[in-house]
Amino acid sequence: MTKRGRQTFVWAVATALCSCALASCGGGDGGGGKKVAPPPKTVSELPKASPQQVKKKTGTPHNRWLPIAPGRQTVREGNVNVGHRRLTHRLVYTVTDVTKKINGVKATVAVDQDFNGGQLAEQSLDYVAEDSKGNVIYLGSYTETYEGGQFVNATDGWLAGVNGSKHGVLMEAHPKVGDAYYESKIAGGYEAPTPSQVVKTGASKCVPFKCYKDVVVIQEGSPGGEEWKYYAPGVGGILTEPRYGGGEQETEKLVNATQLSKRALAEISAEVLKVDQHAESVAPSVFGNAAPAKRSH
């Protein structure tokens, strides 16, 4: 993922999205864990079977490192290099109670909001589900950018099963050092997808919010622009840091994690429903015939 784990691609669909829009450090120790894995020789294929969302009666998500529990919210403070400037921003990631049927699968919608100077600059919807083994499956995404609170354009949009795009894996249920897999395969992408790879397990890491053990570290990104993403059990992403300096690579550190109240969850879920509906008019070739999102009560 870039934010929240999404890989960065140049989309053919981005052209259609834009044209439609015109007619979106606290300290740490690197310690612990197993040694860093070498580059993968083989990459797991995309899941062959359609994932099925975990039934509510289980009470808690199966995946320890990327919980899909409605109301879970994390806040990260980020810094990004833009030219010679170092900018600060705030990123809020929320698992909502909104669901959407995608390629026969009931996906949960998570939203990643990026605030610059207190104003919303970007928000991305991620459509995710857990399969029967506890792997978190990535079924689609949609991202909008804003200036002064006003919609500017959409920078990506895809759904599994639409126009040849395919779902992939965001987080394995039992990650092991050396495991490599694709998050997705997007139809029309000019660049081949790069695999995510598990480089550490059982690590310890401190961020401003708390120190964590049994952390899993995933490497993502294209060669030369790789990022390491740290996932703590029961929390999810706690840190993103570039493997190499330069470019527009970000550092994001967890500053808060909470369970939203019913009222707060209802407010952000209502916003997600609006964005999902907006995607139908901005990117009709992807979202036009998709099932509408709805809240699950």
C-alpha atoms as a PDB file:
ATOM      1  CA  MET A   1       0.000   0.000   0.000  1.00  0.00           C
ATOM      2  CA  THR A   2       1.063   3.556  -0.273  1.00  0.00           C
ATOM      3  CA  LYS A   3      -1.286   5.156   2.288  1.00  0.00           C
ATOM      4  CA  ARG A   4      -2.749   2.320   4.411  1.00  0.00           C
ATOM      5  CA  GLY A   5      -0.945  -0.103   2.107  1.00  0.00           C
ATOM      6  CA  ARG A   6      -2.037   0.742  -1.407  1.00  0.00           C
ATOM      7  CA  GLN A   7       0.517   0.223  -4.162  1.00  0.00           C
ATOM      8  CA  THR A   8       1.142   3.173  -6.468  1.00  0.00           C
ATOM      9  CA  PHE A   9       0.409   2.537 -10.112  1.00  0.00           C
ATOM     10  CA  VAL A  10      -0.084   4.674 -13.197  1.00  0.00           C
ATOM     11  CA  TRP A  11      -3.652   3.810 -14.136  1.00  0.00           C
ATOM     12  CA  ALA A  12      -5.079   3.844 -17.612  1.00  0.00           C
ATOM     13  CA  VAL A  13      -8.381   4.384 -15.840  1.00  0.00           C
ATOM     14  CA  ALA A  14      -7.009   7.603 -14.299  1.00  0.00           C
ATOM     15  CA  THR A  15      -7.412   9.336 -17.622  1.00  0.00           C
ATOM     16  CA  ALA A  16     -11.068   8.406 -17.719  1.00  0.00           C
ATOM     17  CA  LEU A  17     -11.520   9.502 -14.101  1.00  0.00           C
ATOM     18  CA  CYS A  18     -10.051  12.934 -14.714  1.00  0.00           C
ATOM     19  CA  SER A  19     -11.999  13.498 -17.898  1.00  0.00           C
ATOM     20  CA  CYS A  20     -15.225  12.549 -16.136  1.00  0.00           C
ATOM     21  CA  ALA A  21     -14.422  14.965 -13.320  1.00  0.00           C
ATOM     22  CA  LEU A  22     -14.072  17.804 -15.810  1.00  0.00           C
ATOM     23  CA  ALA A  23     -17.642  16.952 -17.775  1.00  0.00           C
ATOM     24  CA  SER A  24      -9.501  13.335  -5.792  1.00  0.00           C
ATOM     25  CA  CYS A  25       8.938  10.565  15.157  1.00  0.00           C
ATOM     26  CA  GLY A  26       8.435   9.281  18.186  1.00  0.00           C
ATOM     27  CA  GLY A  27      11.425   7.176  18.774  1.00  0.00           C
ATOM     28  CA  GLY A  28      11.605   3.574  17.856  1.00  0.00           C
ATOM     29  CA  ASP A  29      13.890   0.659  17.949  1.00  0.00           C
ATOM     30  CA  GLY A  30      14.227  -1.386  14.853  1.00  0.00           C
ATOM     31  CA  GLY A  31      14.917  -4.257  17.075  1.00  0.00           C
ATOM     32  CA  GLY A  32      13.859  -7.793  17.353  1.00  0.00           C
ATOM     33  CA  GLY A  33      12.336 -10.026  14.804  1.00  0.00           C
ATOM     34  CA  LYS A  34      13.843 -12.324  12.291  1.00  0.00           C
ATOM     35  CA  LYS A  35      16.442 -11.252   9.782  1.00  0.00           C
ATOM     36  CA  VAL A  36      15.408  -9.341   6.703  1.00  0.00           C
ATOM     37  CA  ALA A  37      14.317 -11.563   3.867  1.00  0.00           C
ATOM     38  CA  PRO A  38      16.099 -11.498   0.501  1.00  0.00           C
ATOM     39  CA  PRO A  39      14.150 -10.468  -2.615  1.00  0.00           C
ATOM     40  CA  PRO A  40      11.465 -13.035  -3.435  1.00  0.00           C
ATOM     41  CA  LYS A  41      12.173 -15.634  -6.078  1.00  0.00           C
ATOM     42  CA  THR A  42       8.510 -16.493  -6.461  1.00  0.00           C
ATOM     43  CA  VAL A  43       5.322 -14.599  -5.735  1.00  0.00           C
ATOM     44  CA  SER A  44       2.049 -16.110  -4.591  1.00  0.00           C
ATOM     45  CA  GLU A  45      -0.645 -15.939  -7.209  1.00  0.00           C
ATOM     46  CA  LEU A  46      -3.793 -13.945  -6.578  1.00  0.00           C
ATOM     47  CA  PRO A  47      -6.388 -15.839  -4.525  1.00  0.00           C
ATOM     48  CA  LYS A  48      -8.316 -18.208  -6.777  1.00  0.00           C
ATOM     49  CA  ALA A  49     -11.459 -18.542  -4.671  1.00  0.00           C
ATOM     50  CA  SER A  50     -13.727 -15.577  -3.995  1.00  0.00           C
ATOM     51  CA  PRO A  51     -13.168 -14.470  -0.389  1.00  0.00           C
ATOM     52  CA  GLN A  52     -16.054 -14.563   2.065  1.00  0.00           C
ATOM     53  CA  GLN A  53     -16.370 -11.991   4.802  1.00  0.00           C
ATOM     54  CA  VAL A  54     -16.055 -13.262   8.355  1.00  0.00           C
ATOM     55  CA  LYS A  55     -19.471 -13.698   9.968  1.00  0.00           C
ATOM     56  CA  LYS A  56     -20.368 -11.237  12.715  1.00  0.00           C
ATOM     57  CA  LYS A  57     -21.061 -14.007  15.195  1.00  0.00           C
ATOM     58  CA  THR A  58     -17.305 -14.592  15.524  1.00  0.00           C
ATOM     59  CA  GLY A  59     -17.195 -11.327  17.483  1.00  0.00           C
ATOM     60  CA  THR A  60     -13.640 -10.334  16.557  1.00  0.00           C
ATOM     61  CA  PRO A  61     -11.654 -10.276  13.321  1.00  0.00           C
ATOM     62  CA  HIS A  62      -9.418 -13.254  12.602  1.00  0.00           C
ATOM     63  CA  ASN A  63      -6.530 -11.215  11.222  1.00  0.00           C
ATOM     64  CA  ARG A  64      -4.367  -9.898  14.064  1.00  0.00           C
ATOM     65  CA  TRP A  65      -2.321  -7.414  12.070  1.00  0.00           C
ATOM     66  CA  LEU A  66      -5.035  -5.741   9.997  1.00  0.00           C
ATOM     67  CA  PRO A  67      -8.314  -5.933  11.984  1.00  0.00           C
ATOM     68  CA  ILE A  68     -11.507  -5.312  10.027  1.00  0.00           C
ATOM     69  CA  ALA A  69     -13.572  -4.161  12.994  1.00  0.00           C
ATOM     70  CA  PRO A  70     -16.079  -1.343  12.322  1.00  0.00           C
ATOM     71  CA  GLY A  71     -15.317   1.711  14.418  1.00  0.00           C
ATOM     72  CA  ARG A  72     -11.589   1.049  14.705  1.00  0.00           C
ATOM     73  CA  GLN A  73      -9.705   4.270  13.997  1.00  0.00           C
ATOM     74  CA  THR A  74      -6.002   5.072  13.943  1.00  0.00           C
ATOM     75  CA  VAL A  75      -4.366   8.482  13.576  1.00  0.00           C
ATOM     76  CA  ARG A  76      -0.899   8.917  12.142  1.00  0.00           C
ATOM     77  CA  GLU A  77       1.313  11.982  11.912  1.00  0.00           C
ATOM     78  CA  GLY A  78       3.129  12.046   8.602  1.00  0.00           C
ATOM     79  CA  ASN A  79       5.921  13.898   6.884  1.00  0.00           C
ATOM     80  CA  VAL A  80       6.516  13.956   3.170  1.00  0.00           C
ATOM     81  CA  ASN A  81       9.406  15.258   1.062  1.00  0.00           C
ATOM     82  CA  VAL A  82       8.139  17.524  -1.720  1.00  0.00           C
ATOM     83  CA  GLY A  83      11.094  18.980  -3.574  1.00  0.00           C
ATOM     84  CA  HIS A  84      13.296  20.589  -0.924  1.00  0.00           C
ATOM     85  CA  ARG A  85      10.400  21.022   1.509  1.00  0.00           C
ATOM     86  CA  ARG A  86       9.386  18.768   4.375  1.00  0.00           C
ATOM     87  CA  LEU A  87       5.620  18.961   4.922  1.00  0.00           C
ATOM     88  CA  THR A  88       3.624  17.691   7.889  1.00  0.00           C
ATOM     89  CA  HIS A  89       0.203  16.128   7.612  1.00  0.00           C
ATOM     90  CA  ARG A  90      -2.277  14.022   9.588  1.00  0.00           C
ATOM     91  CA  LEU A  91      -3.762  10.756   8.389  1.00  0.00           C
ATOM     92  CA  VAL A  92      -6.896   9.203   9.830  1.00  0.00           C
ATOM     93  CA  TYR A  93      -7.783   5.606   8.969  1.00  0.00           C
ATOM     94  CA  THR A  94     -11.235   4.312   9.916  1.00  0.00           C
ATOM     95  CA  VAL A  95     -12.956   0.979   9.390  1.00  0.00           C
ATOM     96  CA  THR A  96     -16.612   1.883   8.842  1.00  0.00           C
ATOM     97  CA  ASP A  97     -19.822  -0.124   9.057  1.00  0.00           C
ATOM     98  CA  VAL A  98     -20.440   0.476   5.343  1.00  0.00           C
ATOM     99  CA  THR A  99     -20.433  -2.568   3.066  1.00  0.00           C
ATOM    100  CA  LYS A 100     -20.506  -3.043  -0.696  1.00  0.00           C
ATOM    101  CA  LYS A 101     -21.070  -6.182  -2.771  1.00  0.00           C
ATOM    102  CA  ILE A 102     -18.100  -6.589  -5.129  1.00  0.00           C
ATOM    103  CA  ASN A 103     -17.694  -9.550  -7.459  1.00  0.00           C
ATOM    104  CA  GLY A 104     -20.044 -11.574  -5.273  1.00  0.00           C
ATOM    105  CA  VAL A 105     -18.274 -10.665  -2.024  1.00  0.00           C
ATOM    106  CA  LYS A 106     -19.582  -8.484   0.802  1.00  0.00           C
ATOM    107  CA  ALA A 107     -16.718  -6.056   1.378  1.00  0.00           C
ATOM    108  CA  THR A 108     -16.235  -3.675   4.287  1.00  0.00           C
ATOM    109  CA  VAL A 109     -15.298  -0.083   3.406  1.00  0.00           C
ATOM    110  CA  ALA A 110     -12.365   1.560   5.190  1.00  0.00           C
ATOM    111  CA  VAL A 111     -11.521   5.223   4.607  1.00  0.00           C
ATOM    112  CA  ASP A 112      -8.068   6.814   4.724  1.00  0.00           C
ATOM    113  CA  GLN A 113      -8.254  10.615   5.120  1.00  0.00           C
ATOM    114  CA  ASP A 114      -5.255  12.894   4.625  1.00  0.00           C
ATOM    115  CA  PHE A 115      -5.389  16.346   6.259  1.00  0.00           C
ATOM    116  CA  ASN A 116      -2.929  19.123   5.432  1.00  0.00           C
ATOM    117  CA  GLY A 117      -3.085  22.173   7.672  1.00  0.00           C
ATOM    118  CA  GLY A 118      -6.354  20.919   9.127  1.00  0.00           C
ATOM    119  CA  GLN A 119      -8.042  20.688   5.733  1.00  0.00           C
ATOM    120  CA  LEU A 120      -8.972  17.476   3.970  1.00  0.00           C
ATOM    121  CA  ALA A 121      -6.574  17.030   1.045  1.00  0.00           C
ATOM    122  CA  GLU A 122      -7.337  13.444   0.037  1.00  0.00           C
ATOM    123  CA  GLN A 123      -9.522  10.554   1.031  1.00  0.00           C
ATOM    124  CA  SER A 124      -9.449   7.002  -0.202  1.00  0.00           C
ATOM    125  CA  LEU A 125     -12.000   4.245   0.113  1.00  0.00           C
ATOM    126  CA  ASP A 126     -10.582   0.734   0.428  1.00  0.00           C
ATOM    127  CA  TYR A 127     -12.940  -2.207  -0.092  1.00  0.00           C
ATOM    128  CA  VAL A 128     -11.707  -5.149   1.955  1.00  0.00           C
ATOM    129  CA  ALA A 129     -12.859  -8.523   3.289  1.00  0.00           C
ATOM    130  CA  GLU A 130     -11.486 -11.432   5.255  1.00  0.00           C
ATOM    131  CA  ASP A 131     -11.436 -14.860   3.676  1.00  0.00           C
ATOM    132  CA  SER A 132     -12.179 -18.077   5.551  1.00  0.00           C
ATOM    133  CA  LYS A 133      -8.503 -18.423   6.525  1.00  0.00           C
ATOM    134  CA  GLY A 134      -8.237 -14.908   7.943  1.00  0.00           C
ATOM    135  CA  ASN A 135      -6.337 -13.333   5.052  1.00  0.00           C
ATOM    136  CA  VAL A 136      -7.389  -9.737   4.371  1.00  0.00           C
ATOM    137  CA  ILE A 137      -8.409  -9.445   0.722  1.00  0.00           C
ATOM    138  CA  TYR A 138      -8.277  -6.212  -1.306  1.00  0.00           C
ATOM    139  CA  LEU A 139     -11.313  -5.837  -3.588  1.00  0.00           C
ATOM    140  CA  GLY A 140     -11.086  -2.263  -4.810  1.00  0.00           C
ATOM    141  CA  SER A 141     -10.345   1.377  -4.068  1.00  0.00           C
ATOM    142  CA  TYR A 142     -11.382   4.899  -4.972  1.00  0.00           C
ATOM    143  CA  THR A 143      -9.424   8.088  -4.170  1.00  0.00           C
ATOM    144  CA  GLU A 144     -10.471  11.743  -4.350  1.00  0.00           C
ATOM    145  CA  THR A 145      -8.346  14.877  -3.868  1.00  0.00           C
ATOM    146  CA  TYR A 146      -9.535  18.274  -2.622  1.00  0.00           C
ATOM    147  CA  GLU A 147      -8.432  21.892  -2.427  1.00  0.00           C
ATOM    148  CA  GLY A 148     -10.076  24.326  -0.040  1.00  0.00           C
ATOM    149  CA  GLY A 149     -12.640  21.690   0.795  1.00  0.00           C
ATOM    150  CA  GLN A 150     -13.690  21.328  -2.838  1.00  0.00           C
ATOM    151  CA  PHE A 151     -13.399  18.212  -4.987  1.00  0.00           C
ATOM    152  CA  VAL A 152     -10.580  18.420  -7.555  1.00  0.00           C
ATOM    153  CA  ASN A 153     -10.360  14.991  -9.164  1.00  0.00           C
ATOM    154  CA  ALA A 154     -10.180  11.259  -8.637  1.00  0.00           C
ATOM    155  CA  THR A 155      -6.733   9.714  -8.858  1.00  0.00           C
ATOM    156  CA  ASP A 156      -7.588   6.023  -8.831  1.00  0.00           C
ATOM    157  CA  GLY A 157     -10.599   3.773  -8.994  1.00  0.00           C
ATOM    158  CA  TRP A 158     -10.979   0.036  -9.558  1.00  0.00           C
ATOM    159  CA  LEU A 159     -13.145  -2.876  -8.436  1.00  0.00           C
ATOM    160  CA  ALA A 160     -12.384  -6.575  -8.597  1.00  0.00           C
ATOM    161  CA  GLY A 161     -14.249  -8.228 -11.439  1.00  0.00           C
ATOM    162  CA  VAL A 162     -14.771  -4.961 -13.339  1.00  0.00           C
ATOM    163  CA  ASN A 163     -12.905  -4.405 -16.622  1.00  0.00           C
ATOM    164  CA  GLY A 164     -10.583  -7.300 -15.851  1.00  0.00           C
ATOM    165  CA  SER A 165      -9.233  -6.097 -12.488  1.00  0.00           C
ATOM    166  CA  LYS A 166      -8.554  -8.778  -9.877  1.00  0.00           C
ATOM    167  CA  HIS A 167      -8.484  -8.818  -6.095  1.00  0.00           C
ATOM    168  CA  GLY A 168      -5.344  -9.609  -4.115  1.00  0.00           C
ATOM    169  CA  VAL A 169      -4.015  -9.862  -0.569  1.00  0.00           C
ATOM    170  CA  LEU A 170      -3.430  -6.977   1.850  1.00  0.00           C
ATOM    171  CA  MET A 171      -2.350  -9.016   4.844  1.00  0.00           C
ATOM    172  CA  GLU A 172      -1.863 -12.719   5.355  1.00  0.00           C
ATOM    173  CA  ALA A 173      -3.420 -14.440   8.344  1.00  0.00           C
ATOM    174  CA  HIS A 174      -0.068 -16.008   9.233  1.00  0.00           C
ATOM    175  CA  PRO A 175       2.718 -13.942   7.634  1.00  0.00           C
ATOM    176  CA  LYS A 176       6.122 -15.575   7.373  1.00  0.00           C
ATOM    177  CA  VAL A 177       9.446 -13.988   6.459  1.00  0.00           C
ATOM    178  CA  GLY A 178       9.973 -14.300   2.706  1.00  0.00           C
ATOM    179  CA  ASP A 179       6.273 -14.513   1.795  1.00  0.00           C
ATOM    180  CA  ALA A 180       5.502 -12.385  -1.257  1.00  0.00           C
ATOM    181  CA  TYR A 181       2.127 -11.644  -2.826  1.00  0.00           C
ATOM    182  CA  TYR A 182       0.258  -9.137  -4.977  1.00  0.00           C
ATOM    183  CA  GLU A 183      -2.235  -6.710  -3.492  1.00  0.00           C
ATOM    184  CA  SER A 184      -4.163  -6.619  -6.750  1.00  0.00           C
ATOM    185  CA  LYS A 185      -3.896  -6.622 -10.517  1.00  0.00           C
ATOM    186  CA  ILE A 186      -5.469  -3.569 -12.079  1.00  0.00           C
ATOM    187  CA  ALA A 187      -6.673  -3.698 -15.660  1.00  0.00           C
ATOM    188  CA  GLY A 188      -5.078  -1.068 -17.882  1.00  0.00           C
ATOM    189  CA  GLY A 189      -2.137  -0.298 -15.585  1.00  0.00           C
ATOM    190  CA  TYR A 190       0.930   0.828 -17.503  1.00  0.00           C
ATOM    191  CA  GLU A 191       3.216  -0.657 -14.848  1.00  0.00           C
ATOM    192  CA  ALA A 192       3.241  -4.260 -13.704  1.00  0.00           C
ATOM    193  CA  PRO A 193       2.276  -4.594 -10.042  1.00  0.00           C
ATOM    194  CA  THR A 194       5.145  -5.049  -7.612  1.00  0.00           C
ATOM    195  CA  PRO A 195       4.794  -7.674  -4.886  1.00  0.00           C
ATOM    196  CA  SER A 196       4.504  -6.977  -1.187  1.00  0.00           C
ATOM    197  CA  GLN A 197       6.994  -8.997   0.853  1.00  0.00           C
ATOM    198  CA  VAL A 198       7.168  -9.971   4.514  1.00  0.00           C
ATOM    199  CA  VAL A 199      10.644  -8.892   5.698  1.00  0.00           C
ATOM    200  CA  LYS A 200      10.309  -9.247   9.480  1.00  0.00           C
ATOM    201  CA  THR A 201       8.055 -10.915  12.030  1.00  0.00           C
ATOM    202  CA  GLY A 202       8.146 -10.861  15.820  1.00  0.00           C
ATOM    203  CA  ALA A 203       9.745  -7.409  15.803  1.00  0.00           C
ATOM    204  CA  SER A 204       9.534  -4.710  18.493  1.00  0.00           C
ATOM    205  CA  LYS A 205       8.789  -1.104  17.570  1.00  0.00           C
ATOM    206  CA  CYS A 206       8.020   2.137  19.401  1.00  0.00           C
ATOM    207  CA  VAL A 207       5.930   4.978  17.989  1.00  0.00           C
ATOM    208  CA  PRO A 208       4.628   8.108  19.749  1.00  0.00           C
ATOM    209  CA  PHE A 209       1.438   6.337  20.855  1.00  0.00           C
ATOM    210  CA  LYS A 210       2.935   3.166  22.329  1.00  0.00           C
ATOM    211  CA  CYS A 211       5.605   0.476  22.061  1.00  0.00           C
ATOM    212  CA  TYR A 212       4.584  -2.797  20.436  1.00  0.00           C
ATOM    213  CA  LYS A 213       5.859  -6.366  20.202  1.00  0.00           C
ATOM    214  CA  ASP A 214       5.193  -9.139  17.687  1.00  0.00           C
ATOM    215  CA  VAL A 215       5.193  -6.569  14.891  1.00  0.00           C
ATOM    216  CA  VAL A 216       5.103  -7.664  11.240  1.00  0.00           C
ATOM    217  CA  VAL A 217       7.058  -5.621   8.677  1.00  0.00           C
ATOM    218  CA  ILE A 218       5.981  -5.572   5.030  1.00  0.00           C
ATOM    219  CA  GLN A 219       8.006  -4.100   2.180  1.00  0.00           C
ATOM    220  CA  GLU A 220       6.007  -2.428  -0.577  1.00  0.00           C
ATOM    221  CA  GLY A 221       6.726  -0.235  -3.561  1.00  0.00           C
ATOM    222  CA  SER A 222       8.684  -0.253  -6.782  1.00  0.00           C
ATOM    223  CA  PRO A 223      12.472  -0.805  -6.814  1.00  0.00           C
ATOM    224  CA  GLY A 224      14.229   2.288  -5.458  1.00  0.00           C
ATOM    225  CA  GLY A 225      11.036   3.581  -3.853  1.00  0.00           C
ATOM    226  CA  GLU A 226      10.343   0.830  -1.364  1.00  0.00           C
ATOM    227  CA  GLU A 227       8.643   1.480   1.951  1.00  0.00           C
ATOM    228  CA  TRP A 228       8.570  -0.612   5.102  1.00  0.00           C
ATOM    229  CA  LYS A 229       5.194  -0.789   6.812  1.00  0.00           C
ATOM    230  CA  TYR A 230       4.903  -1.964  10.403  1.00  0.00           C
ATOM    231  CA  TYR A 231       1.749  -3.713  11.660  1.00  0.00           C
ATOM    232  CA  ALA A 232       1.049  -4.357  15.353  1.00  0.00           C
ATOM    233  CA  PRO A 233      -1.346  -7.068  16.592  1.00  0.00           C
ATOM    234  CA  GLY A 234      -4.827  -5.779  17.370  1.00  0.00           C
ATOM    235  CA  VAL A 235      -4.037  -2.341  15.919  1.00  0.00           C
ATOM    236  CA  GLY A 236      -2.947  -2.476  12.278  1.00  0.00           C
ATOM    237  CA  GLY A 237      -0.484  -0.042  10.722  1.00  0.00           C
ATOM    238  CA  ILE A 238       1.679   1.830  13.233  1.00  0.00           C
ATOM    239  CA  LEU A 239       4.542   3.103  11.088  1.00  0.00           C
ATOM    240  CA  THR A 240       5.486   3.682   7.469  1.00  0.00           C
ATOM    241  CA  GLU A 241       9.043   4.642   6.616  1.00  0.00           C
ATOM    242  CA  PRO A 242      10.995   4.810   3.341  1.00  0.00           C
ATOM    243  CA  ARG A 243      13.740   2.279   2.759  1.00  0.00           C
ATOM    244  CA  TYR A 244      15.733   4.911   0.880  1.00  0.00           C
ATOM    245  CA  GLY A 245      15.642   8.710   1.033  1.00  0.00           C
ATOM    246  CA  GLY A 246      14.506  11.135  -1.633  1.00  0.00           C
ATOM    247  CA  GLY A 247      11.427  11.634  -3.738  1.00  0.00           C
ATOM    248  CA  GLU A 248       8.017  12.051  -2.174  1.00  0.00           C
ATOM    249  CA  GLN A 249       8.332   9.160   0.250  1.00  0.00           C
ATOM    250  CA  GLU A 250       6.468   9.482   3.507  1.00  0.00           C
ATOM    251  CA  THR A 251       7.087   8.715   7.152  1.00  0.00           C
ATOM    252  CA  GLU A 252       3.915   8.084   9.166  1.00  0.00           C
ATOM    253  CA  LYS A 253       3.814   7.318  12.894  1.00  0.00           C
ATOM    254  CA  LEU A 254       0.864   6.263  15.012  1.00  0.00           C
ATOM    255  CA  VAL A 255      -0.235   8.932  17.513  1.00  0.00           C
ATOM    256  CA  ASN A 256      -3.644   7.543  18.501  1.00  0.00           C
ATOM    257  CA  ALA A 257      -5.829   4.447  18.221  1.00  0.00           C
ATOM    258  CA  THR A 258      -9.419   4.284  19.406  1.00  0.00           C
ATOM    259  CA  GLN A 259     -12.851   2.712  19.034  1.00  0.00           C
ATOM    260  CA  LEU A 260     -15.369   5.272  17.783  1.00  0.00           C
ATOM    261  CA  SER A 261     -18.676   5.912  19.487  1.00  0.00           C
ATOM    262  CA  LYS A 262     -21.837   4.953  17.603  1.00  0.00           C
ATOM    263  CA  ARG A 263     -22.481   8.597  16.777  1.00  0.00           C
ATOM    264  CA  ALA A 264     -18.960   9.232  15.464  1.00  0.00           C
ATOM    265  CA  LEU A 265     -19.064   6.026  13.415  1.00  0.00           C
ATOM    266  CA  ALA A 266     -22.429   7.031  11.926  1.00  0.00           C
ATOM    267  CA  GLU A 267     -21.024  10.418  10.876  1.00  0.00           C
ATOM    268  CA  ILE A 268     -17.982   9.060   9.072  1.00  0.00           C
ATOM    269  CA  SER A 269     -19.989   6.202   7.526  1.00  0.00           C
ATOM    270  CA  ALA A 270     -22.414   8.788   6.110  1.00  0.00           C
ATOM    271  CA  GLU A 271     -19.471  10.580   4.489  1.00  0.00           C
ATOM    272  CA  VAL A 272     -18.224   7.309   3.005  1.00  0.00           C
ATOM    273  CA  LEU A 273     -21.652   6.623   1.482  1.00  0.00           C
ATOM    274  CA  LYS A 274     -21.521  10.043  -0.221  1.00  0.00           C
ATOM    275  CA  VAL A 275     -18.051   9.410  -1.648  1.00  0.00           C
ATOM    276  CA  ASP A 276     -19.000   5.946  -2.884  1.00  0.00           C
ATOM    277  CA  GLN A 277     -22.069   7.402  -4.596  1.00  0.00           C
ATOM    278  CA  HIS A 278     -19.975  10.204  -6.109  1.00  0.00           C
ATOM    279  CA  ALA A 279     -17.699   7.572  -7.644  1.00  0.00           C
ATOM    280  CA  GLU A 280     -20.616   6.415  -9.785  1.00  0.00           C
ATOM    281  CA  SER A 281     -20.716   9.760 -11.628  1.00  0.00           C
ATOM    282  CA  VAL A 282     -16.956  10.412 -11.635  1.00  0.00           C
ATOM    283  CA  ALA A 283     -15.930   6.921 -12.778  1.00  0.00           C
ATOM    284  CA  PRO A 284     -19.021   5.351 -14.381  1.00  0.00           C
ATOM    285  CA  SER A 285     -16.996   2.762 -16.312  1.00  0.00           C
ATOM    286  CA  VAL A 286     -15.902   1.259 -12.975  1.00  0.00           C
ATOM    287  CA  PHE A 287     -18.623   2.121 -10.476  1.00  0.00           C
ATOM    288  CA  GLY A 288     -21.628   2.767 -12.724  1.00  0.00           C
ATOM    289  CA  ASN A 289     -22.988  -0.784 -12.583  1.00  0.00           C
ATOM    290  CA  ALA A 290     -21.669  -1.675  -9.135  1.00  0.00           C
ATOM    291  CA  ALA A 291     -23.964  -2.415  -6.229  1.00  0.00           C
ATOM    292  CA  PRO A 292     -24.474   0.669  -4.050  1.00  0.00           C
ATOM    293  CA  ALA A 293     -22.753   0.781  -0.687  1.00  0.00           C
ATOM    294  CA  LYS A 294     -24.907   0.660   2.431  1.00  0.00           C
ATOM    295  CA  ARG A 295     -24.557   0.645   6.185  1.00  0.00           C
ATOM    296  CA  SER A 296     -24.851  -2.665   7.989  1.00  0.00           C
ATOM    297  CA  HIS A 297     -26.712  -2.354  11.261  1.00  0.00           C
END
